[in-house]
Amino acid sequence: MNALPILEPATKETCCPPAGTVLGAEAAKEKAIIFKALSDPNRLRLLSIVKAEASGESCVCDLTEPLDLGQPTVSHHLKILVDAGLLHREKRGTWAYYSLAPGALDKVTGILANL
C-alpha cells in the first residue's frame, strides 16, 4: 500500500500574495457602519424621502406618516443615518430638519466601486 505524502499547511512565505489592494480592518469597520445604516428598509425609505424633497430637506415631523412609525422610532433611524454620515441634521426651534450629507451617495458608490 502506497502512503500518501503528508502536506504541510501553506505558510505566509509559500502563499500567493493578493492581486490587488486589500481592505484593512479599520477601513472595513468604518465602511460597515455605512452599510449597517443602509441595511434597514425604513432607513432606505427615509433617505429616499429626504432626497426626493424639492427643498432638499425634510422636517422630522413630515417623516413619521409616510413610514407609519412613531416619532421616537423615526428619530432613532435618523440618528443612525446621521452617525453614518449619510444625513445632515439641523435644529430649528423645536424641530429638526434633515438633508443628504454632501457627497454621501457618492461616498457609498465609491466604497462599492473600490472593494
PDB file of N, CA and C in Angstrom:
ATOM      1  N   MET A   1       0.833  -1.170   0.000  1.00  0.00           N
ATOM      2  CA  MET A   1       0.000   0.000   0.000  1.00  0.00           C
ATOM      3  C   MET A   1       0.883   1.241   0.000  1.00  0.00           C
ATOM      4  N   ASN A   2       0.608   2.152  -0.943  1.00  0.00           N
ATOM      5  CA  ASN A   2       1.419   3.367  -1.049  1.00  0.00           C
ATOM      6  C   ASN A   2       0.904   4.421  -0.082  1.00  0.00           C
ATOM      7  N   ALA A   3       1.788   4.988   0.682  1.00  0.00           N
ATOM      8  CA  ALA A   3       1.420   6.038   1.621  1.00  0.00           C
ATOM      9  C   ALA A   3       1.364   7.372   0.881  1.00  0.00           C
ATOM     10  N   LEU A   4       0.351   8.155   1.212  1.00  0.00           N
ATOM     11  CA  LEU A   4       0.240   9.479   0.622  1.00  0.00           C
ATOM     12  C   LEU A   4       1.199  10.413   1.332  1.00  0.00           C
ATOM     13  N   PRO A   5       1.796  11.334   0.591  1.00  0.00           N
ATOM     14  CA  PRO A   5       2.713  12.276   1.244  1.00  0.00           C
ATOM     15  C   PRO A   5       1.943  13.208   2.185  1.00  0.00           C
ATOM     16  N   ILE A   6       2.569  13.561   3.251  1.00  0.00           N
ATOM     17  CA  ILE A   6       1.970  14.489   4.206  1.00  0.00           C
ATOM     18  C   ILE A   6       2.255  15.891   3.711  1.00  0.00           C
ATOM     19  N   LEU A   7       1.197  16.660   3.530  1.00  0.00           N
ATOM     20  CA  LEU A   7       1.345  18.021   3.041  1.00  0.00           C
ATOM     21  C   LEU A   7       1.401  18.981   4.214  1.00  0.00           C
ATOM     22  N   GLU A   8       2.339  19.847   4.158  1.00  0.00           N
ATOM     23  CA  GLU A   8       2.460  20.880   5.182  1.00  0.00           C
ATOM     24  C   GLU A   8       1.448  21.985   4.886  1.00  0.00           C
ATOM     25  N   PRO A   9       0.890  22.611   5.924  1.00  0.00           N
ATOM     26  CA  PRO A   9      -0.014  23.735   5.669  1.00  0.00           C
ATOM     27  C   PRO A   9       0.744  24.885   5.012  1.00  0.00           C
ATOM     28  N   ALA A  10       0.052  25.615   4.167  1.00  0.00           N
ATOM     29  CA  ALA A  10       0.682  26.741   3.476  1.00  0.00           C
ATOM     30  C   ALA A  10       1.129  27.774   4.499  1.00  0.00           C
ATOM     31  N   THR A  11       2.274  28.309   4.294  1.00  0.00           N
ATOM     32  CA  THR A  11       2.783  29.369   5.165  1.00  0.00           C
ATOM     33  C   THR A  11       2.683  30.682   4.417  1.00  0.00           C
ATOM     34  N   LYS A  12       2.902  31.742   5.138  1.00  0.00           N
ATOM     35  CA  LYS A  12       2.834  33.061   4.532  1.00  0.00           C
ATOM     36  C   LYS A  12       3.839  33.189   3.393  1.00  0.00           C
ATOM     37  N   GLU A  13       4.965  32.520   3.535  1.00  0.00           N
ATOM     38  CA  GLU A  13       6.008  32.608   2.522  1.00  0.00           C
ATOM     39  C   GLU A  13       5.622  31.862   1.248  1.00  0.00           C
ATOM     40  N   THR A  14       4.885  30.757   1.372  1.00  0.00           N
ATOM     41  CA  THR A  14       4.555  29.971   0.200  1.00  0.00           C
ATOM     42  C   THR A  14       3.205  30.354  -0.403  1.00  0.00           C
ATOM     43  N   CYS A  15       2.407  31.115   0.309  1.00  0.00           N
ATOM     44  CA  CYS A  15       1.086  31.504  -0.174  1.00  0.00           C
ATOM     45  C   CYS A  15       1.218  32.657  -1.161  1.00  0.00           C
ATOM     46  N   CYS A  16       0.317  32.707  -2.108  1.00  0.00           N
ATOM     47  CA  CYS A  16       0.334  33.782  -3.104  1.00  0.00           C
ATOM     48  C   CYS A  16      -0.179  35.080  -2.482  1.00  0.00           C
ATOM     49  N   PRO A  17       0.484  36.186  -2.763  1.00  0.00           N
ATOM     50  CA  PRO A  17       0.000  37.469  -2.249  1.00  0.00           C
ATOM     51  C   PRO A  17      -1.269  37.888  -3.001  1.00  0.00           C
ATOM     52  N   PRO A  18      -2.118  38.696  -2.381  1.00  0.00           N
ATOM     53  CA  PRO A  18      -3.325  39.153  -3.068  1.00  0.00           C
ATOM     54  C   PRO A  18      -2.974  39.942  -4.320  1.00  0.00           C
ATOM     55  N   ALA A  19      -3.825  39.846  -5.324  1.00  0.00           N
ATOM     56  CA  ALA A  19      -3.566  40.506  -6.599  1.00  0.00           C
ATOM     57  C   ALA A  19      -3.775  42.016  -6.516  1.00  0.00           C
ATOM     58  N   GLY A  20      -4.653  42.466  -5.641  1.00  0.00           N
ATOM     59  CA  GLY A  20      -4.946  43.893  -5.536  1.00  0.00           C
ATOM     60  C   GLY A  20      -4.842  44.379  -4.110  1.00  0.00           C
ATOM     61  N   THR A  21      -5.342  45.568  -3.883  1.00  0.00           N
ATOM     62  CA  THR A  21      -5.331  46.157  -2.556  1.00  0.00           C
ATOM     63  C   THR A  21      -6.391  45.486  -1.690  1.00  0.00           C
ATOM     64  N   VAL A  22      -6.024  45.182  -0.472  1.00  0.00           N
ATOM     65  CA  VAL A  22      -6.931  44.529   0.468  1.00  0.00           C
ATOM     66  C   VAL A  22      -7.409  45.563   1.482  1.00  0.00           C
ATOM     67  N   LEU A  23      -8.682  45.534   1.775  1.00  0.00           N
ATOM     68  CA  LEU A  23      -9.280  46.443   2.737  1.00  0.00           C
ATOM     69  C   LEU A  23      -8.764  46.116   4.137  1.00  0.00           C
ATOM     70  N   GLY A  24      -8.237  47.113   4.815  1.00  0.00           N
ATOM     71  CA  GLY A  24      -7.737  46.923   6.170  1.00  0.00           C
ATOM     72  C   GLY A  24      -8.873  46.821   7.174  1.00  0.00           C
ATOM     73  N   ALA A  25      -8.548  46.344   8.353  1.00  0.00           N
ATOM     74  CA  ALA A  25      -9.563  46.111   9.392  1.00  0.00           C
ATOM     75  C   ALA A  25     -10.281  47.391   9.799  1.00  0.00           C
ATOM     76  N   GLU A  26      -9.550  48.467  10.002  1.00  0.00           N
ATOM     77  CA  GLU A  26     -10.165  49.725  10.439  1.00  0.00           C
ATOM     78  C   GLU A  26     -11.039  50.325   9.329  1.00  0.00           C
ATOM     79  N   ALA A  27     -10.547  50.291   8.103  1.00  0.00           N
ATOM     80  CA  ALA A  27     -11.332  50.811   6.975  1.00  0.00           C
ATOM     81  C   ALA A  27     -12.607  49.982   6.788  1.00  0.00           C
ATOM     82  N   ALA A  28     -12.498  48.676   6.948  1.00  0.00           N
ATOM     83  CA  ALA A  28     -13.673  47.806   6.813  1.00  0.00           C
ATOM     84  C   ALA A  28     -14.699  48.132   7.897  1.00  0.00           C
ATOM     85  N   LYS A  29     -14.221  48.407   9.101  1.00  0.00           N
ATOM     86  CA  LYS A  29     -15.118  48.744  10.205  1.00  0.00           C
ATOM     87  C   LYS A  29     -15.864  50.048   9.909  1.00  0.00           C
ATOM     88  N   GLU A  30     -15.158  51.049   9.389  1.00  0.00           N
ATOM     89  CA  GLU A  30     -15.780  52.334   9.051  1.00  0.00           C
ATOM     90  C   GLU A  30     -16.818  52.179   7.947  1.00  0.00           C
ATOM     91  N   LYS A  31     -16.491  51.399   6.943  1.00  0.00           N
ATOM     92  CA  LYS A  31     -17.415  51.190   5.824  1.00  0.00           C
ATOM     93  C   LYS A  31     -18.625  50.354   6.245  1.00  0.00           C
ATOM     94  N   ALA A  32     -18.427  49.441   7.158  1.00  0.00           N
ATOM     95  CA  ALA A  32     -19.522  48.605   7.636  1.00  0.00           C
ATOM     96  C   ALA A  32     -20.581  49.433   8.364  1.00  0.00           C
ATOM     97  N   ILE A  33     -20.185  50.517   9.002  1.00  0.00           N
ATOM     98  CA  ILE A  33     -21.139  51.404   9.672  1.00  0.00           C
ATOM     99  C   ILE A  33     -22.126  51.963   8.657  1.00  0.00           C
ATOM    100  N   ILE A  34     -21.613  52.334   7.496  1.00  0.00           N
ATOM    101  CA  ILE A  34     -22.479  52.864   6.438  1.00  0.00           C
ATOM    102  C   ILE A  34     -23.416  51.777   5.928  1.00  0.00           C
ATOM    103  N   PHE A  35     -22.873  50.589   5.670  1.00  0.00           N
ATOM    104  CA  PHE A  35     -23.713  49.503   5.170  1.00  0.00           C
ATOM    105  C   PHE A  35     -24.744  49.063   6.205  1.00  0.00           C
ATOM    106  N   LYS A  36     -24.372  49.108   7.465  1.00  0.00           N
ATOM    107  CA  LYS A  36     -25.328  48.760   8.521  1.00  0.00           C
ATOM    108  C   LYS A  36     -26.477  49.773   8.532  1.00  0.00           C
ATOM    109  N   ALA A  37     -26.143  51.049   8.359  1.00  0.00           N
ATOM    110  CA  ALA A  37     -27.177  52.079   8.316  1.00  0.00           C
ATOM    111  C   ALA A  37     -28.104  51.877   7.122  1.00  0.00           C
ATOM    112  N   LEU A  38     -27.555  51.408   6.018  1.00  0.00           N
ATOM    113  CA  LEU A  38     -28.351  51.200   4.805  1.00  0.00           C
ATOM    114  C   LEU A  38     -29.095  49.867   4.798  1.00  0.00           C
ATOM    115  N   SER A  39     -28.833  49.011   5.760  1.00  0.00           N
ATOM    116  CA  SER A  39     -29.390  47.662   5.736  1.00  0.00           C
ATOM    117  C   SER A  39     -30.838  47.574   6.227  1.00  0.00           C
ATOM    118  N   ASP A  40     -31.389  48.678   6.690  1.00  0.00           N
ATOM    119  CA  ASP A  40     -32.767  48.664   7.187  1.00  0.00           C
ATOM    120  C   ASP A  40     -33.692  49.310   6.155  1.00  0.00           C
ATOM    121  N   PRO A  41     -34.794  48.645   5.800  1.00  0.00           N
ATOM    122  CA  PRO A  41     -35.710  49.203   4.794  1.00  0.00           C
ATOM    123  C   PRO A  41     -36.282  50.572   5.172  1.00  0.00           C
ATOM    124  N   ASN A  42     -36.536  50.797   6.456  1.00  0.00           N
ATOM    125  CA  ASN A  42     -37.063  52.098   6.871  1.00  0.00           C
ATOM    126  C   ASN A  42     -36.037  53.201   6.681  1.00  0.00           C
ATOM    127  N   ARG A  43     -34.780  52.901   6.928  1.00  0.00           N
ATOM    128  CA  ARG A  43     -33.732  53.903   6.726  1.00  0.00           C
ATOM    129  C   ARG A  43     -33.535  54.193   5.242  1.00  0.00           C
ATOM    130  N   LEU A  44     -33.633  53.171   4.408  1.00  0.00           N
ATOM    131  CA  LEU A  44     -33.557  53.405   2.963  1.00  0.00           C
ATOM    132  C   LEU A  44     -34.709  54.300   2.509  1.00  0.00           C
ATOM    133  N   ARG A  45     -35.878  54.057   3.039  1.00  0.00           N
ATOM    134  CA  ARG A  45     -37.039  54.888   2.692  1.00  0.00           C
ATOM    135  C   ARG A  45     -36.842  56.324   3.177  1.00  0.00           C
ATOM    136  N   LEU A  46     -36.289  56.491   4.369  1.00  0.00           N
ATOM    137  CA  LEU A  46     -36.027  57.842   4.869  1.00  0.00           C
ATOM    138  C   LEU A  46     -35.072  58.587   3.949  1.00  0.00           C
ATOM    139  N   LEU A  47     -34.000  57.924   3.529  1.00  0.00           N
ATOM    140  CA  LEU A  47     -33.068  58.562   2.595  1.00  0.00           C
ATOM    141  C   LEU A  47     -33.782  58.953   1.307  1.00  0.00           C
ATOM    142  N   SER A  48     -34.623  58.080   0.816  1.00  0.00           N
ATOM    143  CA  SER A  48     -35.357  58.334  -0.421  1.00  0.00           C
ATOM    144  C   SER A  48     -36.301  59.527  -0.274  1.00  0.00           C
ATOM    145  N   ILE A  49     -36.986  59.601   0.847  1.00  0.00           N
ATOM    146  CA  ILE A  49     -37.924  60.705   1.095  1.00  0.00           C
ATOM    147  C   ILE A  49     -37.174  62.027   1.177  1.00  0.00           C
ATOM    148  N   VAL A  50     -36.083  62.056   1.920  1.00  0.00           N
ATOM    149  CA  VAL A  50     -35.299  63.284   2.071  1.00  0.00           C
ATOM    150  C   VAL A  50     -34.728  63.699   0.718  1.00  0.00           C
ATOM    151  N   LYS A  51     -34.203  62.751  -0.033  1.00  0.00           N
ATOM    152  CA  LYS A  51     -33.605  63.051  -1.341  1.00  0.00           C
ATOM    153  C   LYS A  51     -34.652  63.576  -2.316  1.00  0.00           C
ATOM    154  N   ALA A  52     -35.870  63.056  -2.257  1.00  0.00           N
ATOM    155  CA  ALA A  52     -36.927  63.445  -3.192  1.00  0.00           C
ATOM    156  C   ALA A  52     -37.549  64.805  -2.876  1.00  0.00           C
ATOM    157  N   GLU A  53     -37.345  65.298  -1.690  1.00  0.00           N
ATOM    158  CA  GLU A  53     -37.940  66.571  -1.288  1.00  0.00           C
ATOM    159  C   GLU A  53     -37.383  67.708  -2.148  1.00  0.00           C
ATOM    160  N   ALA A  54     -38.283  68.510  -2.720  1.00  0.00           N
ATOM    161  CA  ALA A  54     -37.883  69.592  -3.627  1.00  0.00           C
ATOM    162  C   ALA A  54     -36.947  70.591  -2.949  1.00  0.00           C
ATOM    163  N   SER A  55     -37.169  70.849  -1.662  1.00  0.00           N
ATOM    164  CA  SER A  55     -36.333  71.810  -0.941  1.00  0.00           C
ATOM    165  C   SER A  55     -34.981  71.216  -0.543  1.00  0.00           C
ATOM    166  N   GLY A  56     -34.841  69.898  -0.673  1.00  0.00           N
ATOM    167  CA  GLY A  56     -33.586  69.247  -0.300  1.00  0.00           C
ATOM    168  C   GLY A  56     -33.507  68.885   1.164  1.00  0.00           C
ATOM    169  N   GLU A  57     -34.575  69.149   1.911  1.00  0.00           N
ATOM    170  CA  GLU A  57     -34.580  68.818   3.326  1.00  0.00           C
ATOM    171  C   GLU A  57     -35.985  68.446   3.765  1.00  0.00           C
ATOM    172  N   SER A  58     -36.051  67.689   4.860  1.00  0.00           N
ATOM    173  CA  SER A  58     -37.333  67.262   5.411  1.00  0.00           C
ATOM    174  C   SER A  58     -37.325  67.457   6.914  1.00  0.00           C
ATOM    175  N   CYS A  59     -38.460  67.909   7.433  1.00  0.00           N
ATOM    176  CA  CYS A  59     -38.630  68.037   8.878  1.00  0.00           C
ATOM    177  C   CYS A  59     -38.980  66.664   9.431  1.00  0.00           C
ATOM    178  N   VAL A  60     -38.487  66.367  10.602  1.00  0.00           N
ATOM    179  CA  VAL A  60     -38.804  65.088  11.232  1.00  0.00           C
ATOM    180  C   VAL A  60     -40.314  64.917  11.377  1.00  0.00           C
ATOM    181  N   CYS A  61     -41.031  66.007  11.515  1.00  0.00           N
ATOM    182  CA  CYS A  61     -42.484  65.940  11.661  1.00  0.00           C
ATOM    183  C   CYS A  61     -43.167  65.423  10.393  1.00  0.00           C
ATOM    184  N   ASP A  62     -42.494  65.532   9.247  1.00  0.00           N
ATOM    185  CA  ASP A  62     -43.053  65.056   7.979  1.00  0.00           C
ATOM    186  C   ASP A  62     -42.615  63.638   7.629  1.00  0.00           C
ATOM    187  N   LEU A  63     -41.806  63.018   8.459  1.00  0.00           N
ATOM    188  CA  LEU A  63     -41.247  61.703   8.124  1.00  0.00           C
ATOM    189  C   LEU A  63     -41.934  60.542   8.834  1.00  0.00           C
ATOM    190  N   THR A  64     -42.754  60.828   9.818  1.00  0.00           N
ATOM    191  CA  THR A  64     -43.397  59.735  10.549  1.00  0.00           C
ATOM    192  C   THR A  64     -44.551  59.125   9.762  1.00  0.00           C
ATOM    193  N   GLU A  65     -45.378  59.961   9.146  1.00  0.00           N
ATOM    194  CA  GLU A  65     -46.562  59.455   8.444  1.00  0.00           C
ATOM    195  C   GLU A  65     -46.224  58.544   7.262  1.00  0.00           C
ATOM    196  N   PRO A  66     -45.291  58.918   6.386  1.00  0.00           N
ATOM    197  CA  PRO A  66     -45.009  58.030   5.244  1.00  0.00           C
ATOM    198  C   PRO A  66     -44.517  56.644   5.657  1.00  0.00           C
ATOM    199  N   LEU A  67     -43.859  56.561   6.801  1.00  0.00           N
ATOM    200  CA  LEU A  67     -43.328  55.274   7.259  1.00  0.00           C
ATOM    201  C   LEU A  67     -44.301  54.538   8.174  1.00  0.00           C
ATOM    202  N   ASP A  68     -45.329  55.233   8.621  1.00  0.00           N
ATOM    203  CA  ASP A  68     -46.286  54.665   9.568  1.00  0.00           C
ATOM    204  C   ASP A  68     -45.570  54.161  10.825  1.00  0.00           C
ATOM    205  N   LEU A  69     -44.638  54.977  11.290  1.00  0.00           N
ATOM    206  CA  LEU A  69     -43.876  54.678  12.502  1.00  0.00           C
ATOM    207  C   LEU A  69     -44.016  55.852  13.462  1.00  0.00           C
ATOM    208  N   GLY A  70     -43.804  55.583  14.731  1.00  0.00           N
ATOM    209  CA  GLY A  70     -43.842  56.641  15.730  1.00  0.00           C
ATOM    210  C   GLY A  70     -42.621  57.543  15.633  1.00  0.00           C
ATOM    211  N   GLN A  71     -42.767  58.744  16.175  1.00  0.00           N
ATOM    212  CA  GLN A  71     -41.682  59.727  16.128  1.00  0.00           C
ATOM    213  C   GLN A  71     -40.402  59.217  16.790  1.00  0.00           C
ATOM    214  N   PRO A  72     -40.469  58.537  17.949  1.00  0.00           N
ATOM    215  CA  PRO A  72     -39.218  58.049  18.540  1.00  0.00           C
ATOM    216  C   PRO A  72     -38.484  57.045  17.640  1.00  0.00           C
ATOM    217  N   THR A  73     -39.231  56.189  16.962  1.00  0.00           N
ATOM    218  CA  THR A  73     -38.613  55.203  16.073  1.00  0.00           C
ATOM    219  C   THR A  73     -37.980  55.886  14.868  1.00  0.00           C
ATOM    220  N   VAL A  74     -38.691  56.841  14.286  1.00  0.00           N
ATOM    221  CA  VAL A  74     -38.148  57.583  13.148  1.00  0.00           C
ATOM    222  C   VAL A  74     -36.893  58.342  13.573  1.00  0.00           C
ATOM    223  N   SER A  75     -36.946  58.974  14.736  1.00  0.00           N
ATOM    224  CA  SER A  75     -35.769  59.708  15.236  1.00  0.00           C
ATOM    225  C   SER A  75     -34.579  58.780  15.438  1.00  0.00           C
ATOM    226  N   HIS A  76     -34.831  57.577  15.914  1.00  0.00           N
ATOM    227  CA  HIS A  76     -33.757  56.590  16.090  1.00  0.00           C
ATOM    228  C   HIS A  76     -33.110  56.258  14.736  1.00  0.00           C
ATOM    229  N   HIS A  77     -33.937  55.989  13.734  1.00  0.00           N
ATOM    230  CA  HIS A  77     -33.409  55.679  12.402  1.00  0.00           C
ATOM    231  C   HIS A  77     -32.631  56.863  11.822  1.00  0.00           C
ATOM    232  N   LEU A  78     -33.147  58.064  12.025  1.00  0.00           N
ATOM    233  CA  LEU A  78     -32.464  59.258  11.525  1.00  0.00           C
ATOM    234  C   LEU A  78     -31.110  59.444  12.207  1.00  0.00           C
ATOM    235  N   LYS A  79     -31.039  59.171  13.491  1.00  0.00           N
ATOM    236  CA  LYS A  79     -29.770  59.292  14.223  1.00  0.00           C
ATOM    237  C   LYS A  79     -28.727  58.338  13.639  1.00  0.00           C
ATOM    238  N   ILE A  80     -29.143  57.123  13.323  1.00  0.00           N
ATOM    239  CA  ILE A  80     -28.212  56.154  12.735  1.00  0.00           C
ATOM    240  C   ILE A  80     -27.700  56.662  11.385  1.00  0.00           C
ATOM    241  N   LEU A  81     -28.589  57.239  10.589  1.00  0.00           N
ATOM    242  CA  LEU A  81     -28.179  57.772   9.285  1.00  0.00           C
ATOM    243  C   LEU A  81     -27.249  58.976   9.437  1.00  0.00           C
ATOM    244  N   VAL A  82     -27.505  59.807  10.434  1.00  0.00           N
ATOM    245  CA  VAL A  82     -26.622  60.947  10.701  1.00  0.00           C
ATOM    246  C   VAL A  82     -25.259  60.452  11.184  1.00  0.00           C
ATOM    247  N   ASP A  83     -25.248  59.511  12.122  1.00  0.00           N
ATOM    248  CA  ASP A  83     -23.997  58.973  12.658  1.00  0.00           C
ATOM    249  C   ASP A  83     -23.150  58.291  11.579  1.00  0.00           C
ATOM    250  N   ALA A  84     -23.823  57.736  10.572  1.00  0.00           N
ATOM    251  CA  ALA A  84     -23.112  57.079   9.470  1.00  0.00           C
ATOM    252  C   ALA A  84     -22.621  58.095   8.434  1.00  0.00           C
ATOM    253  N   GLY A  85     -22.985  59.357   8.612  1.00  0.00           N
ATOM    254  CA  GLY A  85     -22.537  60.393   7.683  1.00  0.00           C
ATOM    255  C   GLY A  85     -23.379  60.496   6.424  1.00  0.00           C
ATOM    256  N   LEU A  86     -24.572  59.913   6.442  1.00  0.00           N
ATOM    257  CA  LEU A  86     -25.424  59.935   5.252  1.00  0.00           C
ATOM    258  C   LEU A  86     -26.404  61.113   5.249  1.00  0.00           C
ATOM    259  N   LEU A  87     -26.825  61.534   6.428  1.00  0.00           N
ATOM    260  CA  LEU A  87     -27.725  62.677   6.547  1.00  0.00           C
ATOM    261  C   LEU A  87     -27.087  63.759   7.407  1.00  0.00           C
ATOM    262  N   HIS A  88     -27.517  64.976   7.158  1.00  0.00           N
ATOM    263  CA  HIS A  88     -27.109  66.132   7.960  1.00  0.00           C
ATOM    264  C   HIS A  88     -28.342  66.591   8.746  1.00  0.00           C
ATOM    265  N   ARG A  89     -28.158  66.936  10.007  1.00  0.00           N
ATOM    266  CA  ARG A  89     -29.263  67.362  10.874  1.00  0.00           C
ATOM    267  C   ARG A  89     -29.064  68.814  11.269  1.00  0.00           C
ATOM    268  N   GLU A  90     -30.152  69.604  11.145  1.00  0.00           N
ATOM    269  CA  GLU A  90     -30.123  70.997  11.571  1.00  0.00           C
ATOM    270  C   GLU A  90     -31.330  71.257  12.464  1.00  0.00           C
ATOM    271  N   LYS A  91     -31.065  71.725  13.661  1.00  0.00           N
ATOM    272  CA  LYS A  91     -32.126  72.004  14.645  1.00  0.00           C
ATOM    273  C   LYS A  91     -32.626  73.435  14.430  1.00  0.00           C
ATOM    274  N   ARG A  92     -33.949  73.577  14.299  1.00  0.00           N
ATOM    275  CA  ARG A  92     -34.584  74.893  14.162  1.00  0.00           C
ATOM    276  C   ARG A  92     -35.748  74.947  15.144  1.00  0.00           C
ATOM    277  N   GLY A  93     -35.557  75.651  16.212  1.00  0.00           N
ATOM    278  CA  GLY A  93     -36.578  75.700  17.249  1.00  0.00           C
ATOM    279  C   GLY A  93     -36.759  74.317  17.856  1.00  0.00           C
ATOM    280  N   THR A  94     -37.992  73.822  17.833  1.00  0.00           N
ATOM    281  CA  THR A  94     -38.247  72.502  18.410  1.00  0.00           C
ATOM    282  C   THR A  94     -38.141  71.385  17.381  1.00  0.00           C
ATOM    283  N   TRP A  95     -37.950  71.735  16.101  1.00  0.00           N
ATOM    284  CA  TRP A  95     -37.921  70.725  15.040  1.00  0.00           C
ATOM    285  C   TRP A  95     -36.515  70.522  14.506  1.00  0.00           C
ATOM    286  N   ALA A  96     -36.287  69.336  14.007  1.00  0.00           N
ATOM    287  CA  ALA A  96     -35.020  69.009  13.357  1.00  0.00           C
ATOM    288  C   ALA A  96     -35.293  68.786  11.876  1.00  0.00           C
ATOM    289  N   TYR A  97     -34.432  69.329  11.042  1.00  0.00           N
ATOM    290  CA  TYR A  97     -34.547  69.178   9.597  1.00  0.00           C
ATOM    291  C   TYR A  97     -33.364  68.358   9.099  1.00  0.00           C
ATOM    292  N   TYR A  98     -33.649  67.470   8.173  1.00  0.00           N
ATOM    293  CA  TYR A  98     -32.641  66.547   7.663  1.00  0.00           C
ATOM    294  C   TYR A  98     -32.448  66.748   6.173  1.00  0.00           C
ATOM    295  N   SER A  99     -31.186  66.691   5.754  1.00  0.00           N
ATOM    296  CA  SER A  99     -30.836  66.759   4.343  1.00  0.00           C
ATOM    297  C   SER A  99     -29.719  65.749   4.097  1.00  0.00           C
ATOM    298  N   LEU A 100     -29.536  65.404   2.826  1.00  0.00           N
ATOM    299  CA  LEU A 100     -28.436  64.488   2.500  1.00  0.00           C
ATOM    300  C   LEU A 100     -27.120  65.165   2.833  1.00  0.00           C
ATOM    301  N   ALA A 101     -26.222  64.450   3.450  1.00  0.00           N
ATOM    302  CA  ALA A 101     -24.893  64.986   3.716  1.00  0.00           C
ATOM    303  C   ALA A 101     -24.181  65.163   2.378  1.00  0.00           C
ATOM    304  N   PRO A 102     -23.448  66.262   2.217  1.00  0.00           N
ATOM    305  CA  PRO A 102     -22.750  66.482   0.950  1.00  0.00           C
ATOM    306  C   PRO A 102     -21.843  65.297   0.595  1.00  0.00           C
ATOM    307  N   GLY A 103     -22.026  64.780  -0.602  1.00  0.00           N
ATOM    308  CA  GLY A 103     -21.204  63.675  -1.091  1.00  0.00           C
ATOM    309  C   GLY A 103     -21.523  62.314  -0.516  1.00  0.00           C
ATOM    310  N   ALA A 104     -22.595  62.200   0.263  1.00  0.00           N
ATOM    311  CA  ALA A 104     -22.903  60.928   0.939  1.00  0.00           C
ATOM    312  C   ALA A 104     -23.152  59.799  -0.045  1.00  0.00           C
ATOM    313  N   LEU A 105     -23.966  60.050  -1.050  1.00  0.00           N
ATOM    314  CA  LEU A 105     -24.277  58.983  -2.001  1.00  0.00           C
ATOM    315  C   LEU A 105     -23.075  58.655  -2.882  1.00  0.00           C
ATOM    316  N   ASP A 106     -22.274  59.673  -3.203  1.00  0.00           N
ATOM    317  CA  ASP A 106     -21.035  59.424  -3.956  1.00  0.00           C
ATOM    318  C   ASP A 106     -20.073  58.567  -3.134  1.00  0.00           C
ATOM    319  N   LYS A 107     -20.052  58.801  -1.830  1.00  0.00           N
ATOM    320  CA  LYS A 107     -19.193  58.018  -0.940  1.00  0.00           C
ATOM    321  C   LYS A 107     -19.597  56.547  -0.962  1.00  0.00           C
ATOM    322  N   VAL A 108     -20.906  56.288  -0.925  1.00  0.00           N
ATOM    323  CA  VAL A 108     -21.398  54.901  -0.941  1.00  0.00           C
ATOM    324  C   VAL A 108     -21.017  54.227  -2.249  1.00  0.00           C
ATOM    325  N   THR A 109     -21.243  54.915  -3.370  1.00  0.00           N
ATOM    326  CA  THR A 109     -20.891  54.303  -4.653  1.00  0.00           C
ATOM    327  C   THR A 109     -19.382  54.116  -4.776  1.00  0.00           C
ATOM    328  N   GLY A 110     -18.618  55.019  -4.198  1.00  0.00           N
ATOM    329  CA  GLY A 110     -17.165  54.886  -4.208  1.00  0.00           C
ATOM    330  C   GLY A 110     -16.690  53.680  -3.417  1.00  0.00           C
ATOM    331  N   ILE A 111     -17.334  53.423  -2.297  1.00  0.00           N
ATOM    332  CA  ILE A 111     -16.983  52.245  -1.493  1.00  0.00           C
ATOM    333  C   ILE A 111     -17.217  50.980  -2.301  1.00  0.00           C
ATOM    334  N   LEU A 112     -18.381  50.914  -2.941  1.00  0.00           N
ATOM    335  CA  LEU A 112     -18.695  49.719  -3.735  1.00  0.00           C
ATOM    336  C   LEU A 112     -17.755  49.568  -4.920  1.00  0.00           C
ATOM    337  N   ALA A 113     -17.407  50.660  -5.551  1.00  0.00           N
ATOM    338  CA  ALA A 113     -16.545  50.594  -6.731  1.00  0.00           C
ATOM    339  C   ALA A 113     -15.120  50.189  -6.382  1.00  0.00           C
ATOM    340  N   ASN A 114     -14.709  50.462  -5.140  1.00  0.00           N
ATOM    341  CA  ASN A 114     -13.311  50.216  -4.764  1.00  0.00           C
ATOM    342  C   ASN A 114     -13.109  48.987  -3.883  1.00  0.00           C
ATOM    343  N   LEU A 115     -14.102  48.129  -3.780  1.00  0.00           N
ATOM    344  CA  LEU A 115     -13.913  46.905  -2.983  1.00  0.00           C
ATOM    345  C   LEU A 115     -13.028  45.934  -3.721  1.00  0.00           C
TER     346      LEU A 115
END
